[in-house]
Amino acid sequence: MKNSGSRTSSLGVYGITVAAELVGVGEQTLRLYERKGLLEPSRTAGGTRRYSDDDLQIVRRVIELLEAGVNLVGIRHVLELETENRLLRAELDRLSP
């Protein structure tokens, strides 16, 4: 579920240890979020995960939703709807005079 941010915010630069520290979760939690389809970190040629600022923002949103009582399946749907809404708003802005 990639966020549609700027080119630099979508560039995977953080390894899993640094990413986990930046958002305050464990490395296993990041792996779980990926398995559940909440994150799609980029990978190096060797397969190492690289997290972007957009990925970290998604993790922060997941944490917010968890604290509000939403389960991971529900969070995936919320993130998908938020992404779809952003795309529709961008299209509407593009079509508006």
C-alpha atoms as a PDB file:
ATOM      1  CA  MET A   1       0.000   0.000   0.000  1.00  0.00           C
ATOM      2  CA  LYS A   2       2.311   2.701  -1.148  1.00  0.00           C
ATOM      3  CA  ASN A   3       1.477   6.270  -0.350  1.00  0.00           C
ATOM      4  CA  SER A   4       1.573   8.611  -3.329  1.00  0.00           C
ATOM      5  CA  GLY A   5       4.136  11.027  -1.920  1.00  0.00           C
ATOM      6  CA  SER A   6       6.986  12.872  -3.555  1.00  0.00           C
ATOM      7  CA  ARG A   7       9.871  11.095  -5.217  1.00  0.00           C
ATOM      8  CA  THR A   8      12.183  11.633  -2.251  1.00  0.00           C
ATOM      9  CA  SER A   9       9.592  10.611   0.342  1.00  0.00           C
ATOM     10  CA  SER A  10       8.996   7.344  -1.504  1.00  0.00           C
ATOM     11  CA  LEU A  11      12.704   6.461  -1.793  1.00  0.00           C
ATOM     12  CA  GLY A  12      13.587   3.508   0.442  1.00  0.00           C
ATOM     13  CA  VAL A  13      16.570   4.587   2.511  1.00  0.00           C
ATOM     14  CA  TYR A  14      16.084   3.136   6.013  1.00  0.00           C
ATOM     15  CA  GLY A  15      17.015  -0.385   7.000  1.00  0.00           C
ATOM     16  CA  ILE A  16      14.568  -2.276   9.176  1.00  0.00           C
ATOM     17  CA  THR A  17      16.412  -1.531  12.431  1.00  0.00           C
ATOM     18  CA  VAL A  18      16.467   2.224  11.834  1.00  0.00           C
ATOM     19  CA  ALA A  19      12.875   2.257  10.555  1.00  0.00           C
ATOM     20  CA  ALA A  20      11.667   0.385  13.639  1.00  0.00           C
ATOM     21  CA  GLU A  21      13.465   2.838  15.920  1.00  0.00           C
ATOM     22  CA  LEU A  22      12.087   5.874  14.067  1.00  0.00           C
ATOM     23  CA  VAL A  23       8.459   4.773  14.489  1.00  0.00           C
ATOM     24  CA  GLY A  24       8.819   3.082  17.876  1.00  0.00           C
ATOM     25  CA  VAL A  25       7.883  -0.479  16.940  1.00  0.00           C
ATOM     26  CA  GLY A  26       9.814  -3.725  16.760  1.00  0.00           C
ATOM     27  CA  GLU A  27      11.348  -5.170  13.625  1.00  0.00           C
ATOM     28  CA  GLN A  28       8.957  -8.136  13.840  1.00  0.00           C
ATOM     29  CA  THR A  29       6.044  -5.694  13.833  1.00  0.00           C
ATOM     30  CA  LEU A  30       7.260  -4.186  10.556  1.00  0.00           C
ATOM     31  CA  ARG A  31       7.566  -7.673   9.082  1.00  0.00           C
ATOM     32  CA  LEU A  32       4.030  -8.487  10.274  1.00  0.00           C
ATOM     33  CA  TYR A  33       2.641  -5.322   8.678  1.00  0.00           C
ATOM     34  CA  GLU A  34       4.303  -6.314   5.424  1.00  0.00           C
ATOM     35  CA  ARG A  35       2.851  -9.856   5.585  1.00  0.00           C
ATOM     36  CA  LYS A  36      -0.601  -8.375   6.226  1.00  0.00           C
ATOM     37  CA  GLY A  37      -0.314  -6.154   3.151  1.00  0.00           C
ATOM     38  CA  LEU A  38      -0.046  -2.857   5.016  1.00  0.00           C
ATOM     39  CA  LEU A  39       3.474  -2.036   3.807  1.00  0.00           C
ATOM     40  CA  GLU A  40       5.501  -2.682   0.691  1.00  0.00           C
ATOM     41  CA  PRO A  41       9.054  -1.612   1.472  1.00  0.00           C
ATOM     42  CA  SER A  42      11.441  -1.536  -1.447  1.00  0.00           C
ATOM     43  CA  ARG A  43      14.169  -4.163  -1.622  1.00  0.00           C
ATOM     44  CA  THR A  44      17.822  -4.028  -2.523  1.00  0.00           C
ATOM     45  CA  ALA A  45      19.196  -6.392  -5.163  1.00  0.00           C
ATOM     46  CA  GLY A  46      20.096  -8.697  -2.276  1.00  0.00           C
ATOM     47  CA  GLY A  47      16.565  -8.629  -0.851  1.00  0.00           C
ATOM     48  CA  THR A  48      17.164  -6.290   2.092  1.00  0.00           C
ATOM     49  CA  ARG A  49      14.122  -4.207   3.018  1.00  0.00           C
ATOM     50  CA  ARG A  50      14.452  -0.443   2.592  1.00  0.00           C
ATOM     51  CA  TYR A  51      11.795   1.761   4.167  1.00  0.00           C
ATOM     52  CA  SER A  52      10.902   5.208   2.869  1.00  0.00           C
ATOM     53  CA  ASP A  53       9.470   8.213   4.678  1.00  0.00           C
ATOM     54  CA  ASP A  54       6.122   7.281   3.091  1.00  0.00           C
ATOM     55  CA  ASP A  55       6.405   3.792   4.595  1.00  0.00           C
ATOM     56  CA  LEU A  56       7.109   5.289   8.020  1.00  0.00           C
ATOM     57  CA  GLN A  57       4.064   7.526   7.675  1.00  0.00           C
ATOM     58  CA  ILE A  58       1.940   4.464   6.927  1.00  0.00           C
ATOM     59  CA  VAL A  59       3.272   2.744  10.062  1.00  0.00           C
ATOM     60  CA  ARG A  60       2.375   5.822  12.120  1.00  0.00           C
ATOM     61  CA  ARG A  61      -1.157   5.718  10.639  1.00  0.00           C
ATOM     62  CA  VAL A  62      -1.408   1.995  11.450  1.00  0.00           C
ATOM     63  CA  ILE A  63      -0.437   2.742  15.057  1.00  0.00           C
ATOM     64  CA  GLU A  64      -3.127   5.457  15.258  1.00  0.00           C
ATOM     65  CA  LEU A  65      -5.768   3.092  13.942  1.00  0.00           C
ATOM     66  CA  LEU A  66      -4.687   0.286  16.276  1.00  0.00           C
ATOM     67  CA  GLU A  67      -4.977   2.683  19.208  1.00  0.00           C
ATOM     68  CA  ALA A  68      -8.499   3.529  18.006  1.00  0.00           C
ATOM     69  CA  GLY A  69      -9.386  -0.171  18.196  1.00  0.00           C
ATOM     70  CA  VAL A  70      -9.258  -1.124  14.513  1.00  0.00           C
ATOM     71  CA  ASN A  71      -7.827  -4.573  13.729  1.00  0.00           C
ATOM     72  CA  LEU A  72      -5.198  -5.176  11.028  1.00  0.00           C
ATOM     73  CA  VAL A  73      -7.707  -6.360   8.413  1.00  0.00           C
ATOM     74  CA  GLY A  74      -9.786  -3.232   9.008  1.00  0.00           C
ATOM     75  CA  ILE A  75      -6.664  -1.088   8.859  1.00  0.00           C
ATOM     76  CA  ARG A  76      -5.788  -2.518   5.442  1.00  0.00           C
ATOM     77  CA  HIS A  77      -9.241  -1.498   4.198  1.00  0.00           C
ATOM     78  CA  VAL A  78      -8.940   1.979   5.738  1.00  0.00           C
ATOM     79  CA  LEU A  79      -5.534   2.506   4.105  1.00  0.00           C
ATOM     80  CA  GLU A  80      -6.866   1.339   0.731  1.00  0.00           C
ATOM     81  CA  LEU A  81      -9.848   3.696   0.994  1.00  0.00           C
ATOM     82  CA  GLU A  82      -7.628   6.606   2.031  1.00  0.00           C
ATOM     83  CA  THR A  83      -5.361   5.985  -0.959  1.00  0.00           C
ATOM     84  CA  GLU A  84      -8.330   5.741  -3.308  1.00  0.00           C
ATOM     85  CA  ASN A  85      -9.765   8.949  -1.860  1.00  0.00           C
ATOM     86  CA  ARG A  86      -6.444  10.791  -2.404  1.00  0.00           C
ATOM     87  CA  LEU A  87      -6.332   9.616  -6.023  1.00  0.00           C
ATOM     88  CA  LEU A  88      -9.940  10.643  -6.660  1.00  0.00           C
ATOM     89  CA  ARG A  89      -9.350  14.075  -5.106  1.00  0.00           C
ATOM     90  CA  ALA A  90      -6.252  14.561  -7.274  1.00  0.00           C
ATOM     91  CA  GLU A  91      -8.272  13.614 -10.367  1.00  0.00           C
ATOM     92  CA  LEU A  92     -11.068  15.992  -9.352  1.00  0.00           C
ATOM     93  CA  ASP A  93      -8.554  18.799  -8.803  1.00  0.00           C
ATOM     94  CA  ARG A  94      -7.055  18.088 -12.218  1.00  0.00           C
ATOM     95  CA  LEU A  95     -10.482  18.247 -13.896  1.00  0.00           C
ATOM     96  CA  SER A  96     -11.717  21.314 -12.035  1.00  0.00           C
ATOM     97  CA  PRO A  97     -11.371  24.651 -13.875  1.00  0.00           C
END
